[in-house]
Amino acid sequence: MRNEDFWDLTRPATFKNLTEELISKAEKELNLQLPKQLTELLKIKNGGTTNNIILHSENKIVWVDGWYEINELYGINDENSNDLGILSTSYLTAEWELPEKQVIITGNGNWWITLDYRISLQEPTVNWIEPEAERDIVIAKNFTEFINNLSINQKEEILDIDTNGMITIWEDFLNEDELKELSIKELNFVNERRKEKGLPEIKKNCP
């Protein structure tokens, strides 16, 4: 995948434009070198919403359909920002009791995608970590391979992940009446996507 195709450039970056000075400062704080392709990607957009990107994998234990949607990638934050970014790694590692020598690039608490420097400080693997399920899986041998395993999701399926780490999909097979039967959490997710597309909100059926 080309770096230019990765981002949704209609939405703003999470953080200010990335400079070599900010990269050097981040690497000094992390005490390691970030992958060149990652910093080049963040120079286009320093964190934020992706362009309907999906990750392909042959691991059917975690991803029952062989892929998972990645809606966001962390940028390099600074001390003046309250948003989560790559430099939030120390806080998130302590908060979620994650393994050492990780750099978190996206996640939501149930799962994280990280750069794992435990084996090599020069070329980290890319890992999928689920703390509660005690999963710690290498999904790419380096960041370049990770990017090459991504593609744009043309179907724009709606995805969520439950407490067991299994993927739930609501697609065209759910009509409006069936969507009303979803849980409040699931329906809120659906309505966020509908709002983005200019579609009316669906009200949940009252018991």
Foldseek 3Di string as FASTA:
>chain_A
DDLVQWAPVVDAAQADADDPVLQVVLCVVLVFHDDPVVVVSCNVGFKDFTQQKKFAAPPCVQEVVRIDTDGIWFGRDDPVDPDDHQSCVVVVCVVLVNDPQWGFTDDDSQKTWTFHPPPHRHFTFIWIQGSVVRDTGGRGRGVVRRVVRMDHDPQPWQWDADNSSYIDTDHPVQDLLNLLADDPVSLVSVQVVCVVVVHDRRHHDDD
